[in-house]
């Protein structure tokens, strides 16, 4: 589910996803991953006509499995913050630069991840 709301001059976004990953086999045997919920909140602020400031709160939370075998992987969760800036070069091309900073989690690695994205609208 994706929601957005424009409250001048801000644009607010909320995403809610439920994911059911497939199982796999590795050196430790068959791994039955947990289903997880992703909750993302974001706000954009247009600094100029071409530059947009962005702040995102990103999270995921492990749960049980709705279908299939019982999960045999330790539950985890993670909350991150992602400040960034977007540059709109044309109506069909934009670049995004930011850094994802893990704030708090359980059974996950804490990382700082630089991000460079390209958005290209193909007619």
N, C-alpha and C. Protein backbone atom coordinates (compact mmCIF):
# COMPACT_ATOMS: atom_id res chain seq x y z
N UNK A 1 0.85 -1.16 0.00
CA UNK A 1 0.00 0.00 0.00
C UNK A 1 0.90 1.23 0.00
N UNK A 2 0.62 2.17 -0.87
CA UNK A 2 1.37 3.41 -0.97
C UNK A 2 0.40 4.58 -0.81
N UNK A 3 0.73 5.51 0.05
CA UNK A 3 -0.09 6.69 0.27
C UNK A 3 0.78 7.93 0.14
N UNK A 4 0.20 9.02 -0.34
CA UNK A 4 0.93 10.29 -0.38
C UNK A 4 -0.06 11.42 -0.16
N UNK A 5 0.47 12.51 0.37
CA UNK A 5 -0.36 13.68 0.64
C UNK A 5 0.48 14.93 0.44
N UNK A 6 -0.05 15.89 -0.30
CA UNK A 6 0.63 17.15 -0.52
C UNK A 6 0.06 18.17 0.44
N UNK A 7 0.90 18.68 1.33
CA UNK A 7 0.56 19.76 2.25
C UNK A 7 1.58 20.84 1.98
N UNK A 8 1.18 21.80 1.14
CA UNK A 8 2.11 22.79 0.61
C UNK A 8 3.01 23.36 1.68
N UNK A 9 4.33 23.35 1.53
CA UNK A 9 5.11 22.95 0.35
C UNK A 9 5.62 21.51 0.43
N UNK A 10 5.19 20.73 1.40
CA UNK A 10 5.72 19.39 1.62
C UNK A 10 4.89 18.33 0.89
N UNK A 11 5.56 17.21 0.56
CA UNK A 11 4.89 16.02 0.06
C UNK A 11 5.25 14.90 1.03
N UNK A 12 4.24 14.27 1.60
CA UNK A 12 4.43 13.18 2.55
C UNK A 12 4.09 11.85 1.87
N UNK A 13 4.89 10.81 2.18
CA UNK A 13 4.67 9.48 1.62
C UNK A 13 4.65 8.46 2.75
N UNK A 14 3.88 7.40 2.57
CA UNK A 14 3.89 6.26 3.48
C UNK A 14 3.76 5.00 2.63
N UNK A 15 4.59 4.01 2.91
CA UNK A 15 4.53 2.72 2.23
C UNK A 15 4.39 1.63 3.28
N UNK A 16 3.54 0.65 2.99
CA UNK A 16 3.37 -0.51 3.85
C UNK A 16 3.36 -1.73 2.95
N UNK A 17 4.30 -2.65 3.18
CA UNK A 17 4.42 -3.87 2.37
C UNK A 17 4.46 -5.09 3.28
N UNK A 18 3.86 -6.17 2.83
CA UNK A 18 3.99 -7.47 3.48
C UNK A 18 4.66 -8.39 2.48
N UNK A 19 5.80 -8.97 2.85
CA UNK A 19 6.58 -9.80 1.93
C UNK A 19 6.69 -11.22 2.45
N UNK A 20 6.61 -12.18 1.51
CA UNK A 20 6.73 -13.59 1.83
C UNK A 20 7.88 -14.18 1.01
N UNK A 21 9.10 -14.15 1.55
CA UNK A 21 10.24 -14.67 0.78
C UNK A 21 10.18 -16.19 0.64
N UNK A 22 10.84 -16.69 -0.39
CA UNK A 22 10.89 -18.13 -0.62
C UNK A 22 12.02 -18.75 0.19
N UNK A 23 11.92 -20.04 0.44
CA UNK A 23 12.98 -20.76 1.15
C UNK A 23 14.12 -21.07 0.18
N UNK A 24 15.29 -21.38 0.75
CA UNK A 24 16.45 -21.73 -0.06
C UNK A 24 17.33 -22.70 0.72
N UNK A 25 18.27 -23.32 0.02
CA UNK A 25 19.20 -24.25 0.64
C UNK A 25 20.61 -23.69 0.53
N UNK A 26 21.34 -23.72 1.65
CA UNK A 26 22.74 -23.32 1.66
C UNK A 26 23.55 -24.39 2.38
N UNK A 27 24.78 -24.08 2.78
CA UNK A 27 25.64 -25.06 3.45
C UNK A 27 25.06 -25.55 4.77
N UNK A 28 24.18 -24.75 5.37
CA UNK A 28 23.58 -25.12 6.65
C UNK A 28 22.27 -25.88 6.48
N UNK A 29 21.86 -26.13 5.24
CA UNK A 29 20.62 -26.86 4.99
C UNK A 29 19.52 -25.95 4.49
N UNK A 30 18.29 -26.42 4.60
CA UNK A 30 17.14 -25.69 4.11
C UNK A 30 16.83 -24.52 5.05
N UNK A 31 16.73 -23.31 4.49
CA UNK A 31 16.43 -22.11 5.26
C UNK A 31 15.01 -21.64 4.93
N UNK A 32 14.18 -21.56 5.94
CA UNK A 32 12.82 -21.07 5.78
C UNK A 32 12.77 -19.67 6.39
N UNK A 33 12.80 -18.67 5.52
CA UNK A 33 12.84 -17.28 5.97
C UNK A 33 11.50 -16.85 6.53
N UNK A 34 11.54 -15.83 7.36
CA UNK A 34 10.33 -15.28 7.96
C UNK A 34 9.68 -14.29 7.01
N UNK A 35 8.36 -14.20 7.07
CA UNK A 35 7.65 -13.12 6.38
C UNK A 35 8.03 -11.82 7.08
N UNK A 36 7.98 -10.71 6.35
CA UNK A 36 8.32 -9.46 7.01
C UNK A 36 7.45 -8.31 6.53
N UNK A 37 7.33 -7.33 7.39
CA UNK A 37 6.56 -6.12 7.12
C UNK A 37 7.54 -4.98 6.96
N UNK A 38 7.35 -4.20 5.89
CA UNK A 38 8.17 -3.02 5.64
C UNK A 38 7.29 -1.79 5.81
N UNK A 39 7.76 -0.83 6.61
CA UNK A 39 7.05 0.43 6.81
C UNK A 39 8.03 1.56 6.51
N UNK A 40 7.69 2.40 5.54
CA UNK A 40 8.53 3.52 5.16
C UNK A 40 7.71 4.81 5.26
N UNK A 41 8.31 5.85 5.80
CA UNK A 41 7.70 7.18 5.87
C UNK A 41 8.69 8.16 5.26
N UNK A 42 8.20 9.11 4.47
CA UNK A 42 9.10 10.05 3.82
C UNK A 42 8.44 11.41 3.69
N UNK A 43 9.29 12.43 3.59
CA UNK A 43 8.83 13.79 3.34
C UNK A 43 9.79 14.43 2.34
N UNK A 44 9.22 15.15 1.37
CA UNK A 44 10.01 15.89 0.39
C UNK A 44 9.72 17.38 0.54
N UNK A 45 10.76 18.19 0.33
CA UNK A 45 10.61 19.64 0.38
C UNK A 45 11.30 20.23 -0.84
N UNK A 46 10.56 20.89 -1.73
CA UNK A 46 11.18 21.49 -2.92
C UNK A 46 11.96 22.76 -2.52
N UNK A 47 13.29 22.66 -2.60
CA UNK A 47 14.15 23.79 -2.26
C UNK A 47 14.10 24.83 -3.37
N UNK A 48 14.22 24.37 -4.61
CA UNK A 48 14.06 25.20 -5.81
C UNK A 48 13.21 24.39 -6.79
N UNK A 49 13.07 24.89 -8.00
CA UNK A 49 12.30 24.17 -9.01
C UNK A 49 12.98 22.86 -9.42
N UNK A 50 14.30 22.80 -9.33
CA UNK A 50 15.06 21.60 -9.76
C UNK A 50 15.60 20.76 -8.60
N UNK A 51 15.74 21.32 -7.41
CA UNK A 51 16.32 20.62 -6.26
C UNK A 51 15.26 20.33 -5.21
N UNK A 52 15.24 19.07 -4.74
CA UNK A 52 14.26 18.64 -3.74
C UNK A 52 14.99 17.93 -2.60
N UNK A 53 14.78 18.40 -1.37
CA UNK A 53 15.34 17.74 -0.19
C UNK A 53 14.39 16.61 0.22
N UNK A 54 14.97 15.51 0.72
CA UNK A 54 14.19 14.32 1.05
C UNK A 54 14.68 13.73 2.37
N UNK A 55 13.75 13.27 3.19
CA UNK A 55 14.09 12.56 4.42
C UNK A 55 13.16 11.35 4.52
N UNK A 56 13.75 10.16 4.68
CA UNK A 56 12.96 8.92 4.77
C UNK A 56 13.27 8.19 6.07
N UNK A 57 12.26 7.56 6.63
CA UNK A 57 12.41 6.63 7.74
C UNK A 57 12.04 5.27 7.16
N UNK A 58 12.98 4.33 7.21
CA UNK A 58 12.82 3.02 6.58
C UNK A 58 12.89 1.95 7.67
N UNK A 59 11.99 0.97 7.61
CA UNK A 59 12.02 -0.09 8.62
C UNK A 59 11.50 -1.40 8.05
N UNK A 60 11.96 -2.50 8.65
CA UNK A 60 11.35 -3.80 8.38
C UNK A 60 11.29 -4.58 9.68
N UNK A 61 10.28 -5.45 9.78
CA UNK A 61 10.02 -6.22 10.99
C UNK A 61 9.69 -7.66 10.58
N UNK A 62 10.47 -8.61 11.09
CA UNK A 62 10.21 -10.02 10.81
C UNK A 62 9.03 -10.53 11.62
N UNK A 63 8.32 -11.46 11.03
CA UNK A 63 7.21 -12.13 11.72
C UNK A 63 7.31 -13.62 11.48
N UNK A 64 6.21 -14.30 11.61
CA UNK A 64 6.17 -15.72 11.30
C UNK A 64 5.86 -15.91 9.82
N UNK A 65 5.57 -17.14 9.44
CA UNK A 65 5.22 -17.44 8.05
C UNK A 65 3.73 -17.74 7.96
N UNK A 66 3.07 -17.15 6.98
CA UNK A 66 1.65 -17.44 6.77
C UNK A 66 1.44 -18.80 6.13
N UNK A 67 2.35 -19.17 5.21
CA UNK A 67 2.22 -20.42 4.48
C UNK A 67 3.53 -21.20 4.55
N UNK A 68 3.44 -22.50 4.39
CA UNK A 68 4.63 -23.34 4.31
C UNK A 68 5.16 -23.75 5.67
N UNK A 69 6.40 -24.22 5.65
CA UNK A 69 7.05 -24.71 6.87
C UNK A 69 7.32 -23.58 7.86
N UNK A 70 7.48 -23.95 9.10
CA UNK A 70 7.79 -22.99 10.16
C UNK A 70 9.16 -22.37 9.89
N UNK A 71 9.30 -21.07 10.16
CA UNK A 71 10.56 -20.37 9.95
C UNK A 71 11.64 -20.91 10.87
N UNK A 72 12.86 -21.07 10.34
CA UNK A 72 13.97 -21.53 11.15
C UNK A 72 15.11 -20.51 11.16
N UNK A 73 14.79 -19.27 10.87
CA UNK A 73 15.75 -18.18 10.87
C UNK A 73 15.40 -17.24 12.02
N UNK A 74 16.41 -16.74 12.71
CA UNK A 74 16.21 -15.85 13.85
C UNK A 74 15.48 -14.57 13.40
N UNK A 75 14.47 -14.11 14.16
CA UNK A 75 13.76 -12.89 13.77
C UNK A 75 14.67 -11.67 13.87
N UNK A 76 14.39 -10.69 13.03
CA UNK A 76 15.20 -9.47 12.99
C UNK A 76 14.29 -8.27 12.73
N UNK A 77 14.81 -7.10 13.03
CA UNK A 77 14.16 -5.86 12.63
C UNK A 77 15.23 -4.79 12.49
N UNK A 78 14.89 -3.73 11.74
CA UNK A 78 15.85 -2.67 11.48
C UNK A 78 15.11 -1.37 11.20
N UNK A 79 15.61 -0.28 11.77
CA UNK A 79 15.08 1.06 11.50
C UNK A 79 16.24 1.92 11.02
N UNK A 80 16.04 2.58 9.88
CA UNK A 80 17.07 3.41 9.26
C UNK A 80 16.50 4.78 8.93
N UNK A 81 17.40 5.75 8.79
CA UNK A 81 17.02 7.08 8.32
C UNK A 81 17.83 7.37 7.07
N UNK A 82 17.19 8.06 6.11
CA UNK A 82 17.85 8.31 4.84
C UNK A 82 17.62 9.77 4.42
N UNK A 83 18.59 10.66 4.70
CA UNK A 83 18.51 12.01 4.16
C UNK A 83 19.07 12.02 2.74
N UNK A 84 18.50 12.87 1.89
CA UNK A 84 18.99 12.91 0.52
C UNK A 84 18.57 14.18 -0.20
N UNK A 85 19.08 14.31 -1.41
CA UNK A 85 18.75 15.44 -2.28
C UNK A 85 18.48 14.89 -3.67
N UNK A 86 17.47 15.44 -4.34
CA UNK A 86 17.11 15.00 -5.68
C UNK A 86 17.27 16.17 -6.64
N UNK A 87 17.81 15.89 -7.83
CA UNK A 87 17.98 16.91 -8.85
C UNK A 87 17.17 16.50 -10.07
N UNK A 88 16.23 17.35 -10.48
CA UNK A 88 15.39 17.09 -11.64
C UNK A 88 16.04 17.74 -12.85
N UNK A 89 16.68 16.94 -13.70
CA UNK A 89 17.36 17.50 -14.87
C UNK A 89 16.37 17.87 -15.96
N UNK A 90 15.39 17.01 -16.21
CA UNK A 90 14.30 17.28 -17.17
C UNK A 90 13.03 16.69 -16.58
N UNK A 91 11.94 16.75 -17.32
CA UNK A 91 10.69 16.15 -16.84
C UNK A 91 10.77 14.63 -16.83
N UNK A 92 11.74 14.06 -17.55
CA UNK A 92 11.85 12.60 -17.66
C UNK A 92 13.10 12.02 -17.01
N UNK A 93 13.97 12.86 -16.44
CA UNK A 93 15.22 12.37 -15.87
C UNK A 93 15.53 13.09 -14.56
N UNK A 94 15.79 12.30 -13.51
CA UNK A 94 16.14 12.86 -12.20
C UNK A 94 17.22 11.99 -11.57
N UNK A 95 18.06 12.62 -10.74
CA UNK A 95 19.09 11.92 -9.98
C UNK A 95 18.84 12.14 -8.50
N UNK A 96 19.12 11.12 -7.71
CA UNK A 96 18.94 11.17 -6.27
C UNK A 96 20.23 10.75 -5.59
N UNK A 97 20.69 11.52 -4.62
CA UNK A 97 21.89 11.21 -3.86
C UNK A 97 21.55 11.28 -2.38
N UNK A 98 21.88 10.22 -1.65
CA UNK A 98 21.59 10.19 -0.22
C UNK A 98 22.46 9.19 0.50
N UNK A 99 22.22 9.04 1.79
CA UNK A 99 22.95 8.06 2.60
C UNK A 99 21.97 7.41 3.58
N UNK A 100 21.94 6.08 3.57
CA UNK A 100 21.07 5.30 4.45
C UNK A 100 21.85 4.97 5.71
N UNK A 101 21.36 5.41 6.86
CA UNK A 101 22.06 5.21 8.14
C UNK A 101 21.19 4.35 9.03
N UNK A 102 21.68 3.17 9.37
CA UNK A 102 20.94 2.27 10.26
C UNK A 102 21.01 2.81 11.69
N UNK A 103 19.86 2.96 12.31
CA UNK A 103 19.79 3.54 13.65
C UNK A 103 19.70 2.49 14.75
N UNK A 104 18.78 1.55 14.58
CA UNK A 104 18.55 0.54 15.60
C UNK A 104 18.06 -0.73 14.93
N UNK A 105 18.46 -1.86 15.48
CA UNK A 105 18.02 -3.12 14.90
C UNK A 105 18.31 -4.29 15.81
N UNK A 106 17.89 -5.46 15.36
CA UNK A 106 18.13 -6.69 16.11
C UNK A 106 18.45 -7.79 15.10
N UNK A 107 19.54 -8.50 15.33
CA UNK A 107 19.98 -9.59 14.46
C UNK A 107 20.21 -9.13 13.02
N UNK A 108 20.73 -7.93 12.87
CA UNK A 108 21.07 -7.37 11.56
C UNK A 108 22.41 -6.66 11.67
N UNK A 109 23.02 -6.38 10.53
CA UNK A 109 24.26 -5.61 10.51
C UNK A 109 23.93 -4.13 10.46
N UNK A 110 24.65 -3.32 11.24
CA UNK A 110 24.50 -1.87 11.19
C UNK A 110 25.42 -1.34 10.10
N UNK A 111 24.86 -0.57 9.16
CA UNK A 111 25.65 -0.07 8.05
C UNK A 111 25.32 1.39 7.77
N UNK A 112 26.19 2.02 7.04
CA UNK A 112 25.96 3.33 6.45
C UNK A 112 26.16 3.13 4.96
N UNK A 113 25.11 3.35 4.17
CA UNK A 113 25.13 3.01 2.75
C UNK A 113 24.87 4.25 1.89
N UNK A 114 25.87 4.67 1.10
CA UNK A 114 25.60 5.76 0.16
C UNK A 114 24.70 5.27 -0.97
N UNK A 115 23.83 6.16 -1.45
CA UNK A 115 22.87 5.78 -2.49
C UNK A 115 22.88 6.82 -3.60
N UNK A 116 22.99 6.34 -4.83
CA UNK A 116 22.85 7.17 -6.02
C UNK A 116 21.83 6.50 -6.91
N UNK A 117 20.72 7.19 -7.16
CA UNK A 117 19.65 6.61 -7.98
C UNK A 117 19.38 7.48 -9.20
N UNK A 118 18.87 6.82 -10.21
CA UNK A 118 18.49 7.49 -11.44
C UNK A 118 17.03 7.14 -11.72
N UNK A 119 16.22 8.16 -11.97
CA UNK A 119 14.83 7.95 -12.34
C UNK A 119 14.67 8.46 -13.77
N UNK A 120 14.30 7.55 -14.66
CA UNK A 120 14.14 7.88 -16.06
C UNK A 120 12.77 7.42 -16.50
N UNK A 121 11.93 8.34 -16.89
CA UNK A 121 10.57 8.03 -17.34
C UNK A 121 10.62 7.77 -18.83
N UNK A 122 10.23 6.56 -19.23
CA UNK A 122 10.23 6.16 -20.63
C UNK A 122 8.80 6.33 -21.15
N UNK A 123 8.63 7.10 -22.21
CA UNK A 123 7.27 7.32 -22.72
C UNK A 123 6.68 6.07 -23.35
